[in-house]
Amino acid sequence: MRAFRITETGNFMTKLLSGRSFDSFLLEEASLSMQVTWHLDGRINRNFYSSEEWEDETTHPYPLIAWEAVRGHLRELIRGKKAPASMSIVLQLPPDRMKKILQDEGYPQLAESVGAMALNIRYDGSEVTLVTGISLKSFSLDKNADRIWDSMMERFLASREIGFEAMT
């Protein structure tokens, strides 16, 4: 687990809410505090789909919704003269991307024990902090997945020209 302080909040928010930088992620949950607090659950709602649609996995390839599909809705909630009092967003890598990263890094066996690679985004009204996290399916003393995910997020942020400082 590693924390990053974003050095250019406006640039980050533009890339998060208007750009495509985070479109490869899935939304686990989000909370937006303004005049009211909005809570979004990223889990796909089976009741929304007909039986035929639900059986067609192309309509919902993952149990969570793609960030790309919901970021515009969040942007519309935020749009206005006043910034939110706070915001929390939890994103996850899609399972197939997570497995590929672990395989590319030489640890394919970790895919069996790692449930998710998550990115927690926190805005407190003035500053953005990102915290990486790993969800494990079973107990493991192996910290290689954490190390890989932290390193990948540093490269991801740098490649998207998002200024950050690693926090200790």
N, C-alpha and C. Protein backbone atom coordinates (compact mmCIF):
# COMPACT_ATOMS: atom_id res chain seq x y z
N MET A 1 0.85 -1.17 0.00
CA MET A 1 0.00 0.00 0.00
C MET A 1 0.89 1.23 0.00
N ARG A 2 0.59 2.16 -0.88
CA ARG A 2 1.34 3.40 -0.96
C ARG A 2 0.35 4.55 -1.15
N ALA A 3 0.67 5.69 -0.55
CA ALA A 3 -0.15 6.89 -0.67
C ALA A 3 0.59 7.92 -1.52
N PHE A 4 -0.17 8.64 -2.31
CA PHE A 4 0.36 9.69 -3.16
C PHE A 4 -0.45 10.96 -2.94
N ARG A 5 0.22 12.09 -2.79
CA ARG A 5 -0.46 13.38 -2.73
C ARG A 5 -0.37 13.97 -4.13
N ILE A 6 -1.50 14.34 -4.68
CA ILE A 6 -1.54 14.94 -6.02
C ILE A 6 -1.14 16.40 -5.90
N THR A 7 -0.20 16.84 -6.73
CA THR A 7 0.33 18.20 -6.62
C THR A 7 -0.46 19.23 -7.43
N GLU A 8 -1.23 18.78 -8.39
CA GLU A 8 -2.05 19.69 -9.20
C GLU A 8 -3.49 19.16 -9.20
N THR A 9 -4.25 19.58 -8.21
CA THR A 9 -5.62 19.07 -8.02
C THR A 9 -6.49 19.29 -9.25
N GLY A 10 -6.47 20.50 -9.81
CA GLY A 10 -7.32 20.81 -10.97
C GLY A 10 -7.01 19.93 -12.16
N ASN A 11 -5.74 19.75 -12.46
CA ASN A 11 -5.32 18.90 -13.57
C ASN A 11 -5.78 17.46 -13.34
N PHE A 12 -5.62 16.97 -12.10
CA PHE A 12 -6.03 15.62 -11.79
C PHE A 12 -7.54 15.45 -11.97
N MET A 13 -8.32 16.39 -11.42
CA MET A 13 -9.78 16.29 -11.50
C MET A 13 -10.25 16.32 -12.95
N THR A 14 -9.61 17.12 -13.78
CA THR A 14 -9.97 17.17 -15.19
C THR A 14 -9.71 15.81 -15.84
N LYS A 15 -8.56 15.22 -15.56
CA LYS A 15 -8.23 13.92 -16.15
C LYS A 15 -9.14 12.82 -15.61
N LEU A 16 -9.51 12.90 -14.34
CA LEU A 16 -10.38 11.89 -13.73
C LEU A 16 -11.81 11.98 -14.25
N LEU A 17 -12.36 13.20 -14.30
CA LEU A 17 -13.79 13.37 -14.60
C LEU A 17 -14.11 13.69 -16.05
N SER A 18 -13.14 14.24 -16.80
CA SER A 18 -13.42 14.63 -18.19
C SER A 18 -12.57 13.89 -19.21
N GLY A 19 -11.41 13.44 -18.80
CA GLY A 19 -10.51 12.76 -19.71
C GLY A 19 -10.72 11.25 -19.70
N ARG A 20 -9.89 10.57 -20.47
CA ARG A 20 -10.00 9.12 -20.59
C ARG A 20 -8.91 8.39 -19.78
N SER A 21 -8.14 9.12 -19.00
CA SER A 21 -6.99 8.54 -18.28
C SER A 21 -7.35 7.35 -17.40
N PHE A 22 -8.52 7.37 -16.77
CA PHE A 22 -8.89 6.32 -15.83
C PHE A 22 -9.96 5.37 -16.38
N ASP A 23 -10.23 5.47 -17.68
CA ASP A 23 -11.30 4.68 -18.29
C ASP A 23 -11.04 3.18 -18.28
N SER A 24 -9.82 2.75 -18.04
CA SER A 24 -9.54 1.32 -18.00
C SER A 24 -9.89 0.70 -16.65
N PHE A 25 -10.36 1.52 -15.69
CA PHE A 25 -10.71 1.04 -14.36
C PHE A 25 -12.20 0.75 -14.25
N LEU A 26 -12.54 0.03 -13.20
CA LEU A 26 -13.93 -0.24 -12.84
C LEU A 26 -14.25 0.55 -11.57
N LEU A 27 -15.50 0.96 -11.42
CA LEU A 27 -15.92 1.68 -10.21
C LEU A 27 -16.45 0.69 -9.19
N GLU A 28 -15.82 0.68 -8.01
CA GLU A 28 -16.33 -0.12 -6.90
C GLU A 28 -17.37 0.68 -6.14
N GLU A 29 -17.02 1.92 -5.79
CA GLU A 29 -17.97 2.79 -5.09
C GLU A 29 -17.48 4.21 -5.15
N ALA A 30 -18.41 5.14 -4.92
CA ALA A 30 -18.07 6.56 -4.87
C ALA A 30 -19.01 7.25 -3.90
N SER A 31 -18.50 8.28 -3.27
CA SER A 31 -19.29 9.12 -2.37
C SER A 31 -18.90 10.56 -2.65
N LEU A 32 -19.90 11.40 -2.85
CA LEU A 32 -19.69 12.80 -3.21
C LEU A 32 -20.49 13.66 -2.24
N SER A 33 -19.82 14.46 -1.42
CA SER A 33 -20.51 15.31 -0.44
C SER A 33 -20.61 16.73 -0.96
N MET A 34 -21.83 17.16 -1.18
CA MET A 34 -22.13 18.52 -1.62
C MET A 34 -23.26 19.01 -0.73
N GLN A 35 -24.31 19.62 -1.31
CA GLN A 35 -25.46 20.02 -0.49
C GLN A 35 -26.16 18.79 0.10
N VAL A 36 -26.04 17.66 -0.58
CA VAL A 36 -26.43 16.34 -0.08
C VAL A 36 -25.27 15.41 -0.40
N THR A 37 -25.28 14.24 0.17
CA THR A 37 -24.23 13.27 -0.11
C THR A 37 -24.77 12.22 -1.06
N TRP A 38 -24.06 12.03 -2.15
CA TRP A 38 -24.42 11.04 -3.15
C TRP A 38 -23.53 9.82 -2.96
N HIS A 39 -24.14 8.65 -2.94
CA HIS A 39 -23.41 7.40 -2.84
C HIS A 39 -23.68 6.58 -4.09
N LEU A 40 -22.64 6.09 -4.71
CA LEU A 40 -22.79 5.24 -5.88
C LEU A 40 -22.17 3.88 -5.59
N ASP A 41 -22.91 2.86 -5.90
CA ASP A 41 -22.44 1.49 -5.77
C ASP A 41 -22.12 1.02 -7.18
N GLY A 42 -20.90 0.62 -7.44
CA GLY A 42 -20.48 0.24 -8.78
C GLY A 42 -20.88 -1.15 -9.21
N ARG A 43 -21.53 -1.91 -8.30
CA ARG A 43 -21.93 -3.27 -8.68
C ARG A 43 -23.05 -3.24 -9.72
N ILE A 44 -22.92 -4.09 -10.71
CA ILE A 44 -23.94 -4.19 -11.76
C ILE A 44 -25.23 -4.72 -11.14
N ASN A 45 -26.34 -4.06 -11.46
CA ASN A 45 -27.65 -4.42 -10.93
C ASN A 45 -28.34 -5.40 -11.89
N ARG A 46 -28.41 -6.65 -11.48
CA ARG A 46 -29.00 -7.68 -12.33
C ARG A 46 -30.46 -7.38 -12.68
N ASN A 47 -31.19 -6.77 -11.78
CA ASN A 47 -32.61 -6.49 -12.00
C ASN A 47 -32.87 -5.48 -13.11
N PHE A 48 -31.85 -4.75 -13.52
CA PHE A 48 -31.98 -3.77 -14.59
C PHE A 48 -32.09 -4.46 -15.95
N TYR A 49 -31.56 -5.66 -16.06
CA TYR A 49 -31.46 -6.36 -17.33
C TYR A 49 -32.54 -7.43 -17.48
N SER A 50 -32.95 -7.64 -18.72
CA SER A 50 -33.82 -8.77 -19.02
C SER A 50 -32.99 -10.05 -18.90
N SER A 51 -33.64 -11.18 -18.88
CA SER A 51 -32.92 -12.46 -18.81
C SER A 51 -31.96 -12.63 -19.97
N GLU A 52 -32.40 -12.24 -21.17
CA GLU A 52 -31.55 -12.37 -22.35
C GLU A 52 -30.33 -11.44 -22.25
N GLU A 53 -30.57 -10.20 -21.81
CA GLU A 53 -29.45 -9.27 -21.66
C GLU A 53 -28.47 -9.76 -20.60
N TRP A 54 -28.98 -10.29 -19.50
CA TRP A 54 -28.10 -10.75 -18.42
C TRP A 54 -27.22 -11.92 -18.87
N GLU A 55 -27.77 -12.78 -19.72
CA GLU A 55 -27.01 -13.92 -20.21
C GLU A 55 -25.94 -13.50 -21.21
N ASP A 56 -26.09 -12.33 -21.82
CA ASP A 56 -25.11 -11.79 -22.77
C ASP A 56 -24.04 -11.03 -21.98
N GLU A 57 -22.91 -11.68 -21.76
CA GLU A 57 -21.86 -11.09 -20.93
C GLU A 57 -21.22 -9.85 -21.53
N THR A 58 -21.48 -9.56 -22.82
CA THR A 58 -20.92 -8.34 -23.40
C THR A 58 -21.58 -7.10 -22.82
N THR A 59 -22.80 -7.24 -22.27
CA THR A 59 -23.46 -6.08 -21.65
C THR A 59 -22.89 -5.79 -20.26
N HIS A 60 -22.26 -6.76 -19.65
CA HIS A 60 -21.68 -6.60 -18.31
C HIS A 60 -20.53 -7.60 -18.13
N PRO A 61 -19.39 -7.34 -18.74
CA PRO A 61 -18.29 -8.32 -18.67
C PRO A 61 -17.69 -8.49 -17.28
N TYR A 62 -17.93 -7.53 -16.40
CA TYR A 62 -17.40 -7.57 -15.04
C TYR A 62 -18.54 -7.34 -14.05
N PRO A 63 -18.35 -7.71 -12.80
CA PRO A 63 -19.39 -7.46 -11.80
C PRO A 63 -19.52 -5.98 -11.42
N LEU A 64 -18.50 -5.16 -11.80
CA LEU A 64 -18.52 -3.73 -11.53
C LEU A 64 -18.64 -2.97 -12.84
N ILE A 65 -19.19 -1.77 -12.77
CA ILE A 65 -19.36 -0.94 -13.96
C ILE A 65 -18.05 -0.25 -14.32
N ALA A 66 -17.84 -0.03 -15.60
CA ALA A 66 -16.64 0.67 -16.08
C ALA A 66 -16.70 2.13 -15.65
N TRP A 67 -15.56 2.66 -15.22
CA TRP A 67 -15.48 4.08 -14.84
C TRP A 67 -15.94 4.96 -15.99
N GLU A 68 -15.58 4.59 -17.19
CA GLU A 68 -15.95 5.34 -18.39
C GLU A 68 -17.47 5.54 -18.48
N ALA A 69 -18.24 4.57 -18.02
CA ALA A 69 -19.71 4.64 -18.12
C ALA A 69 -20.34 5.56 -17.08
N VAL A 70 -19.62 5.88 -16.00
CA VAL A 70 -20.24 6.70 -14.94
C VAL A 70 -19.56 8.04 -14.69
N ARG A 71 -18.36 8.24 -15.21
CA ARG A 71 -17.64 9.48 -14.89
C ARG A 71 -18.40 10.73 -15.33
N GLY A 72 -19.10 10.66 -16.44
CA GLY A 72 -19.87 11.81 -16.91
C GLY A 72 -21.00 12.18 -15.96
N HIS A 73 -21.60 11.18 -15.32
CA HIS A 73 -22.67 11.44 -14.34
C HIS A 73 -22.10 12.15 -13.11
N LEU A 74 -20.95 11.70 -12.66
CA LEU A 74 -20.31 12.37 -11.51
C LEU A 74 -19.91 13.79 -11.88
N ARG A 75 -19.37 13.96 -13.08
CA ARG A 75 -18.99 15.30 -13.54
C ARG A 75 -20.20 16.23 -13.53
N GLU A 76 -21.34 15.75 -13.97
CA GLU A 76 -22.56 16.57 -13.98
C GLU A 76 -23.01 16.93 -12.57
N LEU A 77 -22.87 16.00 -11.63
CA LEU A 77 -23.22 16.31 -10.24
C LEU A 77 -22.33 17.40 -9.66
N ILE A 78 -21.07 17.41 -10.07
CA ILE A 78 -20.09 18.36 -9.52
C ILE A 78 -20.15 19.71 -10.22
N ARG A 79 -20.57 19.71 -11.48
CA ARG A 79 -20.55 20.93 -12.28
C ARG A 79 -21.26 22.07 -11.54
N GLY A 80 -20.60 23.21 -11.52
CA GLY A 80 -21.18 24.38 -10.87
C GLY A 80 -20.08 25.27 -10.31
N LYS A 81 -20.48 26.21 -9.51
CA LYS A 81 -19.54 27.20 -9.00
C LYS A 81 -18.80 26.73 -7.76
N LYS A 82 -19.35 25.75 -7.08
CA LYS A 82 -18.79 25.32 -5.82
C LYS A 82 -18.23 23.91 -5.90
N ALA A 83 -17.01 23.75 -5.41
CA ALA A 83 -16.40 22.42 -5.39
C ALA A 83 -17.07 21.58 -4.30
N PRO A 84 -17.03 20.25 -4.43
CA PRO A 84 -17.58 19.40 -3.38
C PRO A 84 -16.85 19.61 -2.06
N ALA A 85 -17.54 19.38 -0.97
CA ALA A 85 -16.90 19.44 0.35
C ALA A 85 -15.90 18.30 0.48
N SER A 86 -16.26 17.15 -0.08
CA SER A 86 -15.35 16.00 -0.10
C SER A 86 -15.83 15.00 -1.14
N MET A 87 -14.93 14.10 -1.49
CA MET A 87 -15.25 13.08 -2.48
C MET A 87 -14.37 11.87 -2.22
N SER A 88 -14.94 10.70 -2.40
CA SER A 88 -14.19 9.45 -2.25
C SER A 88 -14.60 8.54 -3.39
N ILE A 89 -13.61 8.01 -4.10
CA ILE A 89 -13.87 7.10 -5.21
C ILE A 89 -12.93 5.91 -5.07
N VAL A 90 -13.49 4.71 -5.20
CA VAL A 90 -12.67 3.50 -5.18
C VAL A 90 -12.77 2.86 -6.55
N LEU A 91 -11.63 2.77 -7.22
CA LEU A 91 -11.55 2.15 -8.54
C LEU A 91 -10.78 0.83 -8.42
N GLN A 92 -11.06 -0.08 -9.33
CA GLN A 92 -10.35 -1.36 -9.39
C GLN A 92 -9.89 -1.62 -10.81
N LEU A 93 -8.79 -2.34 -10.91
CA LEU A 93 -8.39 -2.85 -12.23
C LEU A 93 -9.31 -4.00 -12.60
N PRO A 94 -9.69 -4.12 -13.85
CA PRO A 94 -10.44 -5.31 -14.26
C PRO A 94 -9.61 -6.56 -13.97
N PRO A 95 -10.27 -7.67 -13.61
CA PRO A 95 -9.54 -8.89 -13.25
C PRO A 95 -8.57 -9.39 -14.32
N ASP A 96 -8.95 -9.30 -15.59
CA ASP A 96 -8.05 -9.79 -16.63
C ASP A 96 -6.80 -8.91 -16.75
N ARG A 97 -6.94 -7.61 -16.55
CA ARG A 97 -5.76 -6.72 -16.57
C ARG A 97 -4.86 -7.00 -15.37
N MET A 98 -5.47 -7.24 -14.21
CA MET A 98 -4.69 -7.55 -13.01
C MET A 98 -3.87 -8.82 -13.24
N LYS A 99 -4.49 -9.85 -13.78
CA LYS A 99 -3.78 -11.11 -14.04
C LYS A 99 -2.64 -10.91 -15.03
N LYS A 100 -2.88 -10.09 -16.05
CA LYS A 100 -1.84 -9.83 -17.05
C LYS A 100 -0.66 -9.10 -16.43
N ILE A 101 -0.92 -8.13 -15.57
CA ILE A 101 0.16 -7.40 -14.91
C ILE A 101 1.00 -8.35 -14.05
N LEU A 102 0.34 -9.18 -13.27
CA LEU A 102 1.06 -10.13 -12.43
C LEU A 102 1.88 -11.11 -13.27
N GLN A 103 1.31 -11.55 -14.38
CA GLN A 103 2.02 -12.46 -15.27
C GLN A 103 3.22 -11.76 -15.90
N ASP A 104 3.02 -10.54 -16.41
CA ASP A 104 4.10 -9.79 -17.05
C ASP A 104 5.25 -9.50 -16.08
N GLU A 105 4.92 -9.36 -14.80
CA GLU A 105 5.94 -9.09 -13.79
C GLU A 105 6.60 -10.36 -13.26
N GLY A 106 6.16 -11.52 -13.76
CA GLY A 106 6.79 -12.78 -13.38
C GLY A 106 6.18 -13.46 -12.16
N TYR A 107 4.95 -13.08 -11.80
CA TYR A 107 4.27 -13.66 -10.64
C TYR A 107 2.87 -14.15 -10.98
N PRO A 108 2.70 -15.00 -12.00
CA PRO A 108 1.35 -15.43 -12.39
C PRO A 108 0.63 -16.18 -11.28
N GLN A 109 1.36 -16.84 -10.39
CA GLN A 109 0.75 -17.60 -9.29
C GLN A 109 0.00 -16.69 -8.32
N LEU A 110 0.35 -15.41 -8.26
CA LEU A 110 -0.33 -14.48 -7.34
C LEU A 110 -1.78 -14.19 -7.76
N ALA A 111 -2.09 -14.43 -9.02
CA ALA A 111 -3.46 -14.17 -9.50
C ALA A 111 -4.48 -15.02 -8.75
N GLU A 112 -4.05 -16.15 -8.21
CA GLU A 112 -4.97 -17.01 -7.45
C GLU A 112 -5.29 -16.45 -6.07
N SER A 113 -4.37 -15.68 -5.49
CA SER A 113 -4.60 -15.15 -4.14
C SER A 113 -5.02 -13.68 -4.11
N VAL A 114 -4.77 -12.93 -5.19
CA VAL A 114 -5.13 -11.51 -5.22
C VAL A 114 -6.54 -11.37 -5.78
N GLY A 115 -7.43 -10.78 -4.98
CA GLY A 115 -8.81 -10.58 -5.41
C GLY A 115 -8.99 -9.32 -6.22
N ALA A 116 -8.25 -8.26 -5.87
CA ALA A 116 -8.39 -6.99 -6.58
C ALA A 116 -7.19 -6.09 -6.32
N MET A 117 -6.93 -5.23 -7.29
CA MET A 117 -5.98 -4.14 -7.15
C MET A 117 -6.80 -2.87 -7.21
N ALA A 118 -6.81 -2.13 -6.10
CA ALA A 118 -7.69 -0.97 -5.98
C ALA A 118 -6.92 0.33 -5.87
N LEU A 119 -7.58 1.40 -6.27
CA LEU A 119 -7.06 2.75 -6.12
C LEU A 119 -8.12 3.57 -5.40
N ASN A 120 -7.79 4.03 -4.20
CA ASN A 120 -8.70 4.85 -3.40
C ASN A 120 -8.35 6.31 -3.63
N ILE A 121 -9.30 7.08 -4.11
CA ILE A 121 -9.12 8.50 -4.41
C ILE A 121 -9.89 9.29 -3.37
N ARG A 122 -9.21 10.19 -2.67
CA ARG A 122 -9.85 11.00 -1.63
C ARG A 122 -9.60 12.48 -1.91
N TYR A 123 -10.67 13.25 -1.93
CA TYR A 123 -10.59 14.71 -2.05
C TYR A 123 -11.22 15.28 -0.80
N ASP A 124 -10.49 16.13 -0.07
CA ASP A 124 -10.98 16.66 1.21
C ASP A 124 -11.47 18.10 1.12
N GLY A 125 -11.69 18.59 -0.09
CA GLY A 125 -12.13 19.96 -0.29
C GLY A 125 -11.01 20.85 -0.79
N SER A 126 -9.78 20.38 -0.66
CA SER A 126 -8.64 21.16 -1.15
C SER A 126 -7.53 20.30 -1.75
N GLU A 127 -7.40 19.09 -1.28
CA GLU A 127 -6.27 18.24 -1.69
C GLU A 127 -6.75 16.85 -2.08
N VAL A 128 -6.06 16.26 -3.06
CA VAL A 128 -6.37 14.89 -3.49
C VAL A 128 -5.25 13.96 -3.03
N THR A 129 -5.67 12.85 -2.46
CA THR A 129 -4.75 11.80 -2.05
C THR A 129 -5.19 10.49 -2.69
N LEU A 130 -4.23 9.74 -3.19
CA LEU A 130 -4.48 8.43 -3.77
C LEU A 130 -3.81 7.39 -2.88
N VAL A 131 -4.50 6.29 -2.64
CA VAL A 131 -3.93 5.20 -1.86
C VAL A 131 -4.18 3.90 -2.62
N THR A 132 -3.09 3.18 -2.87
CA THR A 132 -3.22 1.89 -3.54
C THR A 132 -3.59 0.83 -2.51
N GLY A 133 -4.18 -0.24 -2.97
CA GLY A 133 -4.53 -1.33 -2.06
C GLY A 133 -4.71 -2.63 -2.81
N ILE A 134 -4.46 -3.71 -2.10
CA ILE A 134 -4.63 -5.06 -2.64
C ILE A 134 -5.64 -5.78 -1.77
N SER A 135 -6.59 -6.44 -2.40
CA SER A 135 -7.54 -7.29 -1.70
C SER A 135 -7.11 -8.73 -1.95
N LEU A 136 -6.95 -9.48 -0.87
CA LEU A 136 -6.52 -10.87 -1.00
C LEU A 136 -7.68 -11.83 -0.81
N LYS A 137 -7.69 -12.89 -1.60
CA LYS A 137 -8.69 -13.96 -1.47
C LYS A 137 -8.32 -14.89 -0.33
N SER A 138 -7.02 -15.02 -0.09
CA SER A 138 -6.53 -15.89 0.98
C SER A 138 -5.28 -15.25 1.58
N PHE A 139 -4.99 -15.61 2.80
CA PHE A 139 -3.86 -15.05 3.51
C PHE A 139 -2.55 -15.36 2.79
N SER A 140 -1.68 -14.35 2.75
CA SER A 140 -0.37 -14.53 2.14
C SER A 140 0.62 -13.56 2.77
N LEU A 141 1.82 -14.04 3.01
CA LEU A 141 2.90 -13.18 3.49
C LEU A 141 3.64 -12.53 2.32
N ASP A 142 3.35 -12.98 1.12
CA ASP A 142 4.00 -12.47 -0.09
C ASP A 142 3.51 -11.05 -0.37
N LYS A 143 4.41 -10.09 -0.38
CA LYS A 143 4.08 -8.68 -0.62
C LYS A 143 4.42 -8.24 -2.04
N ASN A 144 4.72 -9.19 -2.92
CA ASN A 144 5.08 -8.83 -4.28
C ASN A 144 3.93 -8.16 -5.03
N ALA A 145 2.71 -8.58 -4.81
CA ALA A 145 1.56 -7.95 -5.49
C ALA A 145 1.45 -6.49 -5.08
N ASP A 146 1.64 -6.19 -3.79
CA ASP A 146 1.62 -4.79 -3.33
C ASP A 146 2.72 -3.99 -4.02
N ARG A 147 3.91 -4.53 -4.05
CA ARG A 147 5.04 -3.84 -4.66
C ARG A 147 4.78 -3.57 -6.15
N ILE A 148 4.27 -4.58 -6.84
CA ILE A 148 3.97 -4.45 -8.28
C ILE A 148 2.91 -3.37 -8.51
N TRP A 149 1.83 -3.39 -7.72
CA TRP A 149 0.73 -2.45 -7.89
C TRP A 149 1.19 -1.01 -7.59
N ASP A 150 1.97 -0.85 -6.51
CA ASP A 150 2.48 0.48 -6.17
C ASP A 150 3.36 1.03 -7.29
N SER A 151 4.24 0.21 -7.79
CA SER A 151 5.15 0.62 -8.85
C SER A 151 4.38 0.93 -10.14
N MET A 152 3.38 0.10 -10.44
CA MET A 152 2.58 0.33 -11.63
C MET A 152 1.83 1.66 -11.55
N MET A 153 1.30 1.97 -10.36
CA MET A 153 0.56 3.23 -10.20
C MET A 153 1.49 4.43 -10.35
N GLU A 154 2.70 4.35 -9.87
CA GLU A 154 3.67 5.44 -10.07
C GLU A 154 3.90 5.66 -11.57
N ARG A 155 4.11 4.58 -12.30
CA ARG A 155 4.33 4.70 -13.74
C ARG A 155 3.07 5.22 -14.45
N PHE A 156 1.89 4.75 -14.01
CA PHE A 156 0.63 5.19 -14.58
C PHE A 156 0.46 6.70 -14.42
N LEU A 157 0.66 7.20 -13.21
CA LEU A 157 0.50 8.64 -12.95
C LEU A 157 1.50 9.45 -13.76
N ALA A 158 2.74 9.01 -13.80
CA ALA A 158 3.76 9.73 -14.56
C ALA A 158 3.44 9.74 -16.05
N SER A 159 2.98 8.61 -16.58
CA SER A 159 2.67 8.54 -18.02
C SER A 159 1.48 9.41 -18.40
N ARG A 160 0.61 9.70 -17.45
CA ARG A 160 -0.55 10.57 -17.72
C ARG A 160 -0.29 12.02 -17.33
N GLU A 161 0.96 12.30 -17.00
CA GLU A 161 1.40 13.64 -16.61
C GLU A 161 0.58 14.18 -15.44
N ILE A 162 0.40 13.33 -14.46
CA ILE A 162 -0.29 13.71 -13.22
C ILE A 162 0.79 13.89 -12.16
N GLY A 163 0.95 15.12 -11.68
CA GLY A 163 1.97 15.41 -10.68
C GLY A 163 1.61 14.80 -9.34
N PHE A 164 2.59 14.17 -8.69
CA PHE A 164 2.33 13.54 -7.41
C PHE A 164 3.59 13.51 -6.57
N GLU A 165 3.40 13.35 -5.29
CA GLU A 165 4.48 13.10 -4.34
C GLU A 165 4.12 11.86 -3.56
N ALA A 166 5.06 10.92 -3.49
CA ALA A 166 4.83 9.72 -2.70
C ALA A 166 4.89 10.12 -1.23
N MET A 167 3.93 9.64 -0.45
CA MET A 167 3.89 9.95 0.99
C MET A 167 4.47 8.76 1.74
N THR A 168 5.08 9.04 2.88
CA THR A 168 5.64 7.95 3.67
C THR A 168 4.84 7.72 4.92
